[in-house]
Every structure is written in C-alpha cells, then in structure tokens.
Amino acid sequence: MNNVSPVQTGLRYGLILGFASILITLVLYVTGFLTNPSIVMISGLLSLVVYVVIIVLAIRSHREAQGGYITLGKGLVIGLFSSFIASLLMVVFTYVLYGILDPDLMDAQLKMSEEMMENFGFMSEEQIETAMNDARSKSTPLRNSLNQLGGVCCGGIVSLFCSFNIKEGTVRR
C-alpha cells in the first residue's frame, strides 16, 4: 500500500482539470464560439462532463494508490482540493482573458445575453434593459474571474457524490 497524500493527488488532478478547462475556453475563444449561444450551452455541458470525469479519475487514482480503499472524507478532500486548484487557475486565466487579451469580449457576451433574453420573449423590454444595466455594472474582469471560485462549491457536490459511489464500489475499477 502506497502512502500518497490526498493533497498530492488533489494537486495533480486539479492542475489537469484547470488546464483542461483553460484549453476548452481557449478553443472556444479562438474559434469565436464564446459569443455563440448554442455553442456556449453545449460547451458548458462538455465542461461539466470533463469536470466530473477528472474528479472521478482523481478519487479512483487515490483509491488504487491506497490499495483499493478510500474513505469518504479523503475522497471529498481530493475532489474539493482538485476543484480549488482548477478554480485558482481559471481565476488567473479569466482575468488575463477579459482584462488583458480581449477587454471587448465581456461586452460581446453581454450583447449575446441580451439577444437571448429578447428571443426567449419571457421578459419585457424594460425588464431586459434593467437586467442588462445591472449586468453591465457588475461585469468587470476581476469580478468575472472571481466567479470561477464557484467551481469549488460545484466540486464539493460532485466530490461527495463521486467519493461515496467510488468508496462503496459502484464505480468499477
């Protein structure tokens, strides 16, 4: 039985998750799809799948390194730490993308959101205008980058579910 720290495993897979998230965002940015509503929705689902797969791989990897056994707590720590590391990488990348590389990208995405609201038809023009003014006032590169820290909460939920299933053996080796 190898004595690998959950922090080591979390760091390794957090870096993998962070760079995978950055790669997905970069591909969308370079292809111009970050302002395409249909592609943004699909890429969000793809990112979620990648997120879950990498956390599952992290927990399974640690379980295998420990001789096939892992506690629920260690699985949770690995997933949370992986999510935290990935979120930190995304905070830096998002700030660089919106604040340095393409400061106009935020406005293009806000315009896309406004068009989506108009197309759905659930809101009046006045409601859309109020929502967009609120969004514009809160959209800064720093704020957008700090929103990436929300991934840690998502990571906690995913980690808890995954580590419970992996601990109990419902996810096969």
N, C-alpha and C. Protein backbone atom coordinates (compact mmCIF):
# COMPACT_ATOMS: atom_id res chain seq x y z
N MET A 1 0.84 -1.18 0.00
CA MET A 1 0.00 0.00 0.00
C MET A 1 0.89 1.25 0.00
N ASN A 2 0.68 2.09 -0.97
CA ASN A 2 1.43 3.33 -1.13
C ASN A 2 0.78 4.41 -0.28
N ASN A 3 1.57 5.21 0.38
CA ASN A 3 1.01 6.25 1.23
C ASN A 3 1.08 7.61 0.52
N VAL A 4 0.15 7.82 -0.41
CA VAL A 4 0.08 9.06 -1.17
C VAL A 4 -0.88 9.99 -0.44
N SER A 5 -0.46 11.23 -0.32
CA SER A 5 -1.30 12.23 0.35
C SER A 5 -2.47 12.63 -0.55
N PRO A 6 -3.66 12.82 0.05
CA PRO A 6 -4.79 13.30 -0.75
C PRO A 6 -4.51 14.67 -1.37
N VAL A 7 -3.65 15.46 -0.70
CA VAL A 7 -3.29 16.78 -1.22
C VAL A 7 -2.47 16.62 -2.50
N GLN A 8 -1.55 15.65 -2.53
CA GLN A 8 -0.76 15.40 -3.73
C GLN A 8 -1.66 15.01 -4.90
N THR A 9 -2.57 14.10 -4.63
CA THR A 9 -3.49 13.66 -5.68
C THR A 9 -4.37 14.82 -6.12
N GLY A 10 -4.89 15.58 -5.16
CA GLY A 10 -5.74 16.72 -5.49
C GLY A 10 -5.01 17.76 -6.31
N LEU A 11 -3.75 18.01 -5.97
CA LEU A 11 -2.95 18.98 -6.71
C LEU A 11 -2.73 18.51 -8.15
N ARG A 12 -2.35 17.25 -8.31
CA ARG A 12 -2.09 16.72 -9.65
C ARG A 12 -3.34 16.82 -10.52
N TYR A 13 -4.45 16.34 -10.01
CA TYR A 13 -5.68 16.35 -10.81
C TYR A 13 -6.31 17.74 -10.89
N GLY A 14 -6.05 18.59 -9.92
CA GLY A 14 -6.51 19.97 -10.00
C GLY A 14 -5.81 20.71 -11.14
N LEU A 15 -4.51 20.46 -11.29
CA LEU A 15 -3.78 21.05 -12.41
C LEU A 15 -4.30 20.52 -13.74
N ILE A 16 -4.56 19.23 -13.80
CA ILE A 16 -5.11 18.64 -15.03
C ILE A 16 -6.47 19.26 -15.34
N LEU A 17 -7.33 19.35 -14.34
CA LEU A 17 -8.66 19.93 -14.53
C LEU A 17 -8.59 21.40 -14.92
N GLY A 18 -7.72 22.14 -14.27
CA GLY A 18 -7.56 23.56 -14.58
C GLY A 18 -7.08 23.77 -16.01
N PHE A 19 -6.07 23.01 -16.41
CA PHE A 19 -5.55 23.18 -17.78
C PHE A 19 -6.55 22.67 -18.82
N ALA A 20 -7.32 21.65 -18.49
CA ALA A 20 -8.37 21.19 -19.42
C ALA A 20 -9.43 22.27 -19.58
N SER A 21 -9.81 22.92 -18.49
CA SER A 21 -10.80 24.00 -18.55
C SER A 21 -10.27 25.18 -19.35
N ILE A 22 -9.02 25.51 -19.15
CA ILE A 22 -8.40 26.60 -19.89
C ILE A 22 -8.35 26.25 -21.38
N LEU A 23 -8.00 25.02 -21.69
CA LEU A 23 -7.93 24.59 -23.09
C LEU A 23 -9.30 24.69 -23.77
N ILE A 24 -10.34 24.24 -23.09
CA ILE A 24 -11.69 24.32 -23.66
C ILE A 24 -12.05 25.79 -23.92
N THR A 25 -11.79 26.65 -22.94
CA THR A 25 -12.10 28.07 -23.10
C THR A 25 -11.28 28.70 -24.22
N LEU A 26 -10.01 28.34 -24.31
CA LEU A 26 -9.16 28.88 -25.37
C LEU A 26 -9.65 28.47 -26.76
N VAL A 27 -10.03 27.20 -26.90
CA VAL A 27 -10.55 26.73 -28.19
C VAL A 27 -11.81 27.50 -28.55
N LEU A 28 -12.70 27.68 -27.60
CA LEU A 28 -13.93 28.45 -27.85
C LEU A 28 -13.61 29.90 -28.20
N TYR A 29 -12.63 30.47 -27.53
CA TYR A 29 -12.26 31.86 -27.79
C TYR A 29 -11.65 32.02 -29.19
N VAL A 30 -10.70 31.16 -29.52
CA VAL A 30 -10.01 31.26 -30.81
C VAL A 30 -10.97 31.03 -31.97
N THR A 31 -11.93 30.14 -31.78
CA THR A 31 -12.90 29.86 -32.85
C THR A 31 -14.04 30.88 -32.88
N GLY A 32 -14.10 31.76 -31.89
CA GLY A 32 -15.15 32.77 -31.85
C GLY A 32 -16.46 32.27 -31.28
N PHE A 33 -16.44 31.10 -30.68
CA PHE A 33 -17.68 30.50 -30.17
C PHE A 33 -18.06 30.95 -28.77
N LEU A 34 -17.24 31.76 -28.11
CA LEU A 34 -17.60 32.23 -26.77
C LEU A 34 -18.78 33.19 -26.79
N THR A 35 -19.15 33.64 -27.97
CA THR A 35 -20.30 34.53 -28.09
C THR A 35 -21.42 33.90 -28.91
N ASN A 36 -21.37 32.58 -29.08
CA ASN A 36 -22.41 31.85 -29.79
C ASN A 36 -23.26 31.11 -28.76
N PRO A 37 -24.54 31.49 -28.59
CA PRO A 37 -25.35 30.92 -27.51
C PRO A 37 -25.47 29.39 -27.56
N SER A 38 -25.66 28.83 -28.72
CA SER A 38 -25.81 27.37 -28.82
C SER A 38 -24.54 26.65 -28.42
N ILE A 39 -23.42 27.14 -28.92
CA ILE A 39 -22.13 26.51 -28.63
C ILE A 39 -21.77 26.70 -27.16
N VAL A 40 -22.09 27.85 -26.59
CA VAL A 40 -21.78 28.10 -25.18
C VAL A 40 -22.53 27.10 -24.30
N MET A 41 -23.79 26.81 -24.63
CA MET A 41 -24.56 25.84 -23.84
C MET A 41 -23.95 24.44 -23.96
N ILE A 42 -23.61 24.05 -25.17
CA ILE A 42 -23.02 22.72 -25.40
C ILE A 42 -21.66 22.62 -24.71
N SER A 43 -20.86 23.68 -24.81
CA SER A 43 -19.55 23.66 -24.18
C SER A 43 -19.66 23.62 -22.66
N GLY A 44 -20.72 24.22 -22.12
CA GLY A 44 -20.95 24.15 -20.68
C GLY A 44 -21.21 22.72 -20.24
N LEU A 45 -21.97 22.00 -21.03
CA LEU A 45 -22.21 20.58 -20.72
C LEU A 45 -20.93 19.77 -20.86
N LEU A 46 -20.16 20.05 -21.92
CA LEU A 46 -18.88 19.36 -22.11
C LEU A 46 -17.96 19.62 -20.93
N SER A 47 -17.89 20.87 -20.49
CA SER A 47 -17.04 21.22 -19.35
C SER A 47 -17.47 20.49 -18.08
N LEU A 48 -18.78 20.36 -17.89
CA LEU A 48 -19.28 19.64 -16.72
C LEU A 48 -18.88 18.16 -16.78
N VAL A 49 -18.99 17.56 -17.96
CA VAL A 49 -18.59 16.15 -18.12
C VAL A 49 -17.10 15.99 -17.83
N VAL A 50 -16.28 16.88 -18.39
CA VAL A 50 -14.82 16.83 -18.15
C VAL A 50 -14.55 16.98 -16.65
N TYR A 51 -15.24 17.89 -16.02
CA TYR A 51 -15.09 18.15 -14.59
C TYR A 51 -15.36 16.88 -13.78
N VAL A 52 -16.49 16.25 -14.05
CA VAL A 52 -16.87 15.04 -13.31
C VAL A 52 -15.88 13.91 -13.59
N VAL A 53 -15.51 13.72 -14.84
CA VAL A 53 -14.59 12.63 -15.21
C VAL A 53 -13.25 12.81 -14.50
N ILE A 54 -12.73 14.02 -14.48
CA ILE A 54 -11.42 14.23 -13.86
C ILE A 54 -11.49 14.04 -12.34
N ILE A 55 -12.56 14.46 -11.72
CA ILE A 55 -12.70 14.23 -10.28
C ILE A 55 -12.83 12.73 -9.98
N VAL A 56 -13.60 12.03 -10.80
CA VAL A 56 -13.71 10.57 -10.62
C VAL A 56 -12.34 9.93 -10.78
N LEU A 57 -11.59 10.34 -11.80
CA LEU A 57 -10.26 9.78 -12.02
C LEU A 57 -9.34 10.08 -10.83
N ALA A 58 -9.44 11.26 -10.27
CA ALA A 58 -8.61 11.62 -9.12
C ALA A 58 -8.92 10.73 -7.92
N ILE A 59 -10.18 10.56 -7.63
CA ILE A 59 -10.58 9.75 -6.47
C ILE A 59 -10.21 8.28 -6.71
N ARG A 60 -10.48 7.79 -7.90
CA ARG A 60 -10.12 6.39 -8.22
C ARG A 60 -8.61 6.18 -8.16
N SER A 61 -7.85 7.14 -8.66
CA SER A 61 -6.39 7.04 -8.64
C SER A 61 -5.88 6.94 -7.21
N HIS A 62 -6.43 7.78 -6.35
CA HIS A 62 -6.00 7.75 -4.95
C HIS A 62 -6.41 6.43 -4.28
N ARG A 63 -7.61 5.97 -4.60
CA ARG A 63 -8.06 4.69 -4.02
C ARG A 63 -7.13 3.56 -4.45
N GLU A 64 -6.74 3.54 -5.71
CA GLU A 64 -5.85 2.49 -6.20
C GLU A 64 -4.46 2.60 -5.56
N ALA A 65 -3.98 3.84 -5.35
CA ALA A 65 -2.68 4.05 -4.72
C ALA A 65 -2.70 3.60 -3.26
N GLN A 66 -3.88 3.56 -2.67
CA GLN A 66 -4.03 3.15 -1.27
C GLN A 66 -4.43 1.67 -1.16
N GLY A 67 -4.25 0.93 -2.20
CA GLY A 67 -4.53 -0.50 -2.15
C GLY A 67 -6.00 -0.84 -2.31
N GLY A 68 -6.76 0.03 -2.95
CA GLY A 68 -8.16 -0.26 -3.23
C GLY A 68 -9.13 0.25 -2.17
N TYR A 69 -8.64 1.04 -1.24
CA TYR A 69 -9.51 1.55 -0.17
C TYR A 69 -9.40 3.06 -0.10
N ILE A 70 -10.53 3.72 0.11
CA ILE A 70 -10.54 5.17 0.32
C ILE A 70 -11.73 5.50 1.22
N THR A 71 -11.52 6.45 2.11
CA THR A 71 -12.63 6.88 2.95
C THR A 71 -13.41 7.97 2.22
N LEU A 72 -14.63 8.15 2.66
CA LEU A 72 -15.48 9.19 2.09
C LEU A 72 -14.83 10.56 2.28
N GLY A 73 -14.26 10.79 3.44
CA GLY A 73 -13.61 12.07 3.74
C GLY A 73 -12.43 12.36 2.83
N LYS A 74 -11.59 11.34 2.60
CA LYS A 74 -10.44 11.54 1.71
C LYS A 74 -10.90 11.80 0.28
N GLY A 75 -11.92 11.11 -0.15
CA GLY A 75 -12.45 11.35 -1.50
C GLY A 75 -12.97 12.78 -1.63
N LEU A 76 -13.64 13.23 -0.59
CA LEU A 76 -14.16 14.60 -0.59
C LEU A 76 -13.02 15.62 -0.61
N VAL A 77 -11.99 15.38 0.19
CA VAL A 77 -10.84 16.29 0.22
C VAL A 77 -10.16 16.34 -1.15
N ILE A 78 -9.98 15.19 -1.77
CA ILE A 78 -9.33 15.15 -3.09
C ILE A 78 -10.14 15.94 -4.11
N GLY A 79 -11.44 15.72 -4.15
CA GLY A 79 -12.28 16.43 -5.10
C GLY A 79 -12.34 17.92 -4.84
N LEU A 80 -12.47 18.30 -3.57
CA LEU A 80 -12.51 19.73 -3.22
C LEU A 80 -11.19 20.42 -3.54
N PHE A 81 -10.09 19.76 -3.20
CA PHE A 81 -8.79 20.36 -3.46
C PHE A 81 -8.52 20.46 -4.96
N SER A 82 -8.91 19.43 -5.71
CA SER A 82 -8.77 19.47 -7.17
C SER A 82 -9.58 20.64 -7.73
N SER A 83 -10.80 20.79 -7.26
CA SER A 83 -11.66 21.89 -7.71
C SER A 83 -11.07 23.25 -7.34
N PHE A 84 -10.51 23.34 -6.16
CA PHE A 84 -9.91 24.60 -5.71
C PHE A 84 -8.73 24.99 -6.58
N ILE A 85 -7.85 24.04 -6.85
CA ILE A 85 -6.67 24.32 -7.69
C ILE A 85 -7.12 24.71 -9.10
N ALA A 86 -8.07 23.96 -9.67
CA ALA A 86 -8.58 24.27 -11.01
C ALA A 86 -9.23 25.66 -11.02
N SER A 87 -9.97 25.98 -9.98
CA SER A 87 -10.62 27.30 -9.90
C SER A 87 -9.60 28.42 -9.81
N LEU A 88 -8.52 28.22 -9.06
CA LEU A 88 -7.48 29.23 -8.98
C LEU A 88 -6.85 29.48 -10.35
N LEU A 89 -6.57 28.40 -11.08
CA LEU A 89 -6.02 28.55 -12.43
C LEU A 89 -7.00 29.32 -13.33
N MET A 90 -8.28 28.99 -13.22
CA MET A 90 -9.28 29.65 -14.04
C MET A 90 -9.46 31.12 -13.64
N VAL A 91 -9.29 31.45 -12.37
CA VAL A 91 -9.36 32.85 -11.93
C VAL A 91 -8.29 33.65 -12.65
N VAL A 92 -7.07 33.15 -12.64
CA VAL A 92 -5.96 33.85 -13.30
C VAL A 92 -6.20 33.93 -14.80
N PHE A 93 -6.56 32.81 -15.41
CA PHE A 93 -6.77 32.79 -16.86
C PHE A 93 -7.91 33.72 -17.26
N THR A 94 -9.02 33.68 -16.54
CA THR A 94 -10.17 34.51 -16.88
C THR A 94 -9.82 35.99 -16.75
N TYR A 95 -9.06 36.34 -15.73
CA TYR A 95 -8.66 37.74 -15.57
C TYR A 95 -7.79 38.17 -16.75
N VAL A 96 -6.86 37.33 -17.14
CA VAL A 96 -5.99 37.65 -18.28
C VAL A 96 -6.81 37.76 -19.56
N LEU A 97 -7.75 36.84 -19.77
CA LEU A 97 -8.56 36.85 -20.99
C LEU A 97 -9.41 38.12 -21.08
N TYR A 98 -10.17 38.41 -20.03
CA TYR A 98 -11.10 39.54 -20.07
C TYR A 98 -10.43 40.89 -19.79
N GLY A 99 -9.37 40.88 -19.01
CA GLY A 99 -8.75 42.13 -18.63
C GLY A 99 -7.61 42.57 -19.53
N ILE A 100 -6.93 41.60 -20.16
CA ILE A 100 -5.75 41.95 -20.94
C ILE A 100 -5.89 41.57 -22.42
N LEU A 101 -6.18 40.29 -22.68
CA LEU A 101 -6.21 39.82 -24.07
C LEU A 101 -7.36 40.41 -24.87
N ASP A 102 -8.56 40.42 -24.29
CA ASP A 102 -9.73 40.89 -25.06
C ASP A 102 -10.74 41.58 -24.15
N PRO A 103 -10.48 42.83 -23.80
CA PRO A 103 -11.41 43.56 -22.93
C PRO A 103 -12.81 43.74 -23.53
N ASP A 104 -12.94 43.63 -24.85
CA ASP A 104 -14.24 43.78 -25.51
C ASP A 104 -15.08 42.50 -25.46
N LEU A 105 -14.48 41.39 -25.07
CA LEU A 105 -15.19 40.11 -25.04
C LEU A 105 -16.38 40.15 -24.08
N MET A 106 -16.21 40.80 -22.96
CA MET A 106 -17.29 40.88 -21.97
C MET A 106 -18.51 41.58 -22.57
N ASP A 107 -18.29 42.68 -23.31
CA ASP A 107 -19.40 43.39 -23.95
C ASP A 107 -20.08 42.52 -24.99
N ALA A 108 -19.29 41.74 -25.75
CA ALA A 108 -19.87 40.85 -26.77
C ALA A 108 -20.73 39.77 -26.11
N GLN A 109 -20.28 39.26 -24.97
CA GLN A 109 -21.07 38.25 -24.27
C GLN A 109 -22.32 38.85 -23.65
N LEU A 110 -22.24 40.07 -23.17
CA LEU A 110 -23.43 40.74 -22.64
C LEU A 110 -24.44 40.98 -23.76
N LYS A 111 -23.96 41.34 -24.93
CA LYS A 111 -24.84 41.54 -26.09
C LYS A 111 -25.51 40.22 -26.45
N MET A 112 -24.76 39.12 -26.41
CA MET A 112 -25.33 37.80 -26.69
C MET A 112 -26.43 37.47 -25.68
N SER A 113 -26.18 37.77 -24.41
CA SER A 113 -27.18 37.51 -23.37
C SER A 113 -28.44 38.33 -23.61
N GLU A 114 -28.26 39.58 -24.00
CA GLU A 114 -29.41 40.45 -24.27
C GLU A 114 -30.24 39.90 -25.43
N GLU A 115 -29.56 39.45 -26.48
CA GLU A 115 -30.28 38.88 -27.63
C GLU A 115 -31.02 37.61 -27.24
N MET A 116 -30.42 36.80 -26.39
CA MET A 116 -31.09 35.58 -25.93
C MET A 116 -32.34 35.92 -25.14
N MET A 117 -32.25 36.91 -24.26
CA MET A 117 -33.42 37.33 -23.48
C MET A 117 -34.53 37.83 -24.39
N GLU A 118 -34.16 38.59 -25.40
CA GLU A 118 -35.17 39.10 -26.35
C GLU A 118 -35.81 37.96 -27.13
N ASN A 119 -35.00 36.97 -27.54
CA ASN A 119 -35.52 35.85 -28.32
C ASN A 119 -36.43 34.93 -27.51
N PHE A 120 -36.14 34.76 -26.23
CA PHE A 120 -36.99 33.91 -25.40
C PHE A 120 -38.35 34.52 -25.18
N GLY A 121 -38.45 35.82 -25.12
CA GLY A 121 -39.73 36.51 -25.00
C GLY A 121 -40.38 36.44 -23.64
N PHE A 122 -39.66 36.05 -22.62
CA PHE A 122 -40.23 35.94 -21.28
C PHE A 122 -40.18 37.26 -20.51
N MET A 123 -39.41 38.21 -21.03
CA MET A 123 -39.21 39.46 -20.30
C MET A 123 -39.62 40.63 -21.20
N SER A 124 -40.09 41.67 -20.56
CA SER A 124 -40.43 42.88 -21.31
C SER A 124 -39.14 43.63 -21.64
N GLU A 125 -39.23 44.58 -22.55
CA GLU A 125 -38.07 45.40 -22.91
C GLU A 125 -37.49 46.10 -21.68
N GLU A 126 -38.39 46.57 -20.82
CA GLU A 126 -37.97 47.28 -19.61
C GLU A 126 -37.21 46.33 -18.67
N GLN A 127 -37.71 45.11 -18.51
CA GLN A 127 -37.04 44.13 -17.65
C GLN A 127 -35.67 43.76 -18.22
N ILE A 128 -35.62 43.61 -19.53
CA ILE A 128 -34.34 43.27 -20.18
C ILE A 128 -33.34 44.41 -19.97
N GLU A 129 -33.80 45.63 -20.17
CA GLU A 129 -32.93 46.79 -20.00
C GLU A 129 -32.41 46.89 -18.57
N THR A 130 -33.29 46.66 -17.60
CA THR A 130 -32.89 46.69 -16.19
C THR A 130 -31.86 45.59 -15.90
N ALA A 131 -32.14 44.40 -16.39
CA ALA A 131 -31.22 43.27 -16.17
C ALA A 131 -29.86 43.53 -16.82
N MET A 132 -29.86 44.08 -18.01
CA MET A 132 -28.61 44.33 -18.71
C MET A 132 -27.81 45.46 -18.04
N ASN A 133 -28.49 46.49 -17.57
CA ASN A 133 -27.79 47.57 -16.86
C ASN A 133 -27.15 47.03 -15.59
N ASP A 134 -27.88 46.15 -14.90
CA ASP A 134 -27.33 45.54 -13.69
C ASP A 134 -26.12 44.67 -14.03
N ALA A 135 -26.24 43.87 -15.09
CA ALA A 135 -25.14 43.00 -15.50
C ALA A 135 -23.92 43.82 -15.92
N ARG A 136 -24.14 44.90 -16.67
CA ARG A 136 -23.02 45.75 -17.10
C ARG A 136 -22.31 46.39 -15.91
N SER A 137 -23.07 46.78 -14.91
CA SER A 137 -22.45 47.43 -13.75
C SER A 137 -21.63 46.44 -12.93
N LYS A 138 -21.96 45.17 -13.01
CA LYS A 138 -21.26 44.15 -12.23
C LYS A 138 -20.21 43.40 -13.03
N SER A 139 -20.10 43.67 -14.31
CA SER A 139 -19.17 42.94 -15.17
C SER A 139 -17.83 43.66 -15.27
N THR A 140 -16.90 43.16 -14.48
CA THR A 140 -15.53 43.64 -14.57
C THR A 140 -14.64 42.41 -14.72
N PRO A 141 -13.45 42.57 -15.26
CA PRO A 141 -12.56 41.40 -15.37
C PRO A 141 -12.30 40.73 -14.02
N LEU A 142 -12.13 41.54 -12.97
CA LEU A 142 -11.88 40.95 -11.66
C LEU A 142 -13.09 40.16 -11.17
N ARG A 143 -14.26 40.74 -11.29
CA ARG A 143 -15.47 40.06 -10.83
C ARG A 143 -15.73 38.78 -11.63
N ASN A 144 -15.55 38.85 -12.96
CA ASN A 144 -15.74 37.66 -13.78
C ASN A 144 -14.75 36.57 -13.41
N SER A 145 -13.51 36.96 -13.13
CA SER A 145 -12.53 35.94 -12.77
C SER A 145 -12.82 35.34 -11.40
N LEU A 146 -13.26 36.16 -10.45
CA LEU A 146 -13.57 35.62 -9.12
C LEU A 146 -14.80 34.71 -9.14
N ASN A 147 -15.66 34.87 -10.14
CA ASN A 147 -16.81 33.96 -10.27
C ASN A 147 -16.36 32.52 -10.48
N GLN A 148 -15.15 32.34 -10.96
CA GLN A 148 -14.64 30.99 -11.19
C GLN A 148 -14.48 30.21 -9.88
N LEU A 149 -14.39 30.91 -8.77
CA LEU A 149 -14.26 30.23 -7.47
C LEU A 149 -15.52 29.45 -7.11
N GLY A 150 -16.63 29.76 -7.79
CA GLY A 150 -17.85 28.99 -7.59
C GLY A 150 -17.68 27.52 -7.95
N GLY A 151 -16.66 27.24 -8.74
CA GLY A 151 -16.37 25.85 -9.11
C GLY A 151 -16.03 24.99 -7.91
N VAL A 152 -15.55 25.61 -6.84
CA VAL A 152 -15.22 24.84 -5.63
C VAL A 152 -16.49 24.27 -5.01
N CYS A 153 -17.57 25.06 -5.00
CA CYS A 153 -18.85 24.56 -4.47
C CYS A 153 -19.36 23.40 -5.31
N CYS A 154 -19.31 23.58 -6.62
CA CYS A 154 -19.72 22.52 -7.53
C CYS A 154 -18.84 21.28 -7.31
N GLY A 155 -17.56 21.53 -7.13
CA GLY A 155 -16.63 20.43 -6.89
C GLY A 155 -16.94 19.67 -5.62
N GLY A 156 -17.40 20.37 -4.61
CA GLY A 156 -17.78 19.70 -3.37
C GLY A 156 -18.94 18.76 -3.55
N ILE A 157 -19.93 19.19 -4.30
CA ILE A 157 -21.10 18.35 -4.56
C ILE A 157 -20.72 17.14 -5.40
N VAL A 158 -19.98 17.40 -6.47
CA VAL A 158 -19.55 16.31 -7.35
C VAL A 158 -18.65 15.34 -6.57
N SER A 159 -17.74 15.87 -5.76
CA SER A 159 -16.82 15.03 -4.99
C SER A 159 -17.54 14.15 -3.99
N LEU A 160 -18.51 14.72 -3.32
CA LEU A 160 -19.26 13.94 -2.34
C LEU A 160 -19.98 12.78 -3.01
N PHE A 161 -20.66 13.07 -4.10
CA PHE A 161 -21.37 12.03 -4.83
C PHE A 161 -20.40 10.98 -5.37
N CYS A 162 -19.33 11.43 -6.01
CA CYS A 162 -18.37 10.50 -6.61
C CYS A 162 -17.64 9.68 -5.56
N SER A 163 -17.18 10.33 -4.48
CA SER A 163 -16.43 9.58 -3.48
C SER A 163 -17.31 8.58 -2.76
N PHE A 164 -18.59 8.90 -2.58
CA PHE A 164 -19.49 7.93 -1.97
C PHE A 164 -19.64 6.71 -2.87
N ASN A 165 -19.84 6.95 -4.16
CA ASN A 165 -20.01 5.83 -5.10
C ASN A 165 -18.73 5.05 -5.31
N ILE A 166 -17.60 5.73 -5.32
CA ILE A 166 -16.34 5.02 -5.50
C ILE A 166 -15.98 4.26 -4.23
N LYS A 167 -16.21 4.85 -3.08
CA LYS A 167 -15.94 4.18 -1.80
C LYS A 167 -16.76 2.92 -1.68
N GLU A 168 -18.02 3.01 -2.10
CA GLU A 168 -18.93 1.87 -1.99
C GLU A 168 -18.75 0.86 -3.12
N GLY A 169 -17.93 1.21 -4.10
CA GLY A 169 -17.63 0.26 -5.16
C GLY A 169 -18.63 0.24 -6.31
N THR A 170 -19.53 1.24 -6.40
CA THR A 170 -20.48 1.23 -7.51
C THR A 170 -19.83 1.71 -8.80
N VAL A 171 -18.69 2.38 -8.69
CA VAL A 171 -17.91 2.73 -9.87
C VAL A 171 -16.76 1.74 -9.92
N ARG A 172 -16.76 0.89 -10.90
CA ARG A 172 -15.77 -0.19 -11.00
C ARG A 172 -14.40 0.34 -11.39
N ARG A 173 -13.41 -0.42 -10.97
CA ARG A 173 -12.03 -0.08 -11.34
C ARG A 173 -11.79 -0.35 -12.78
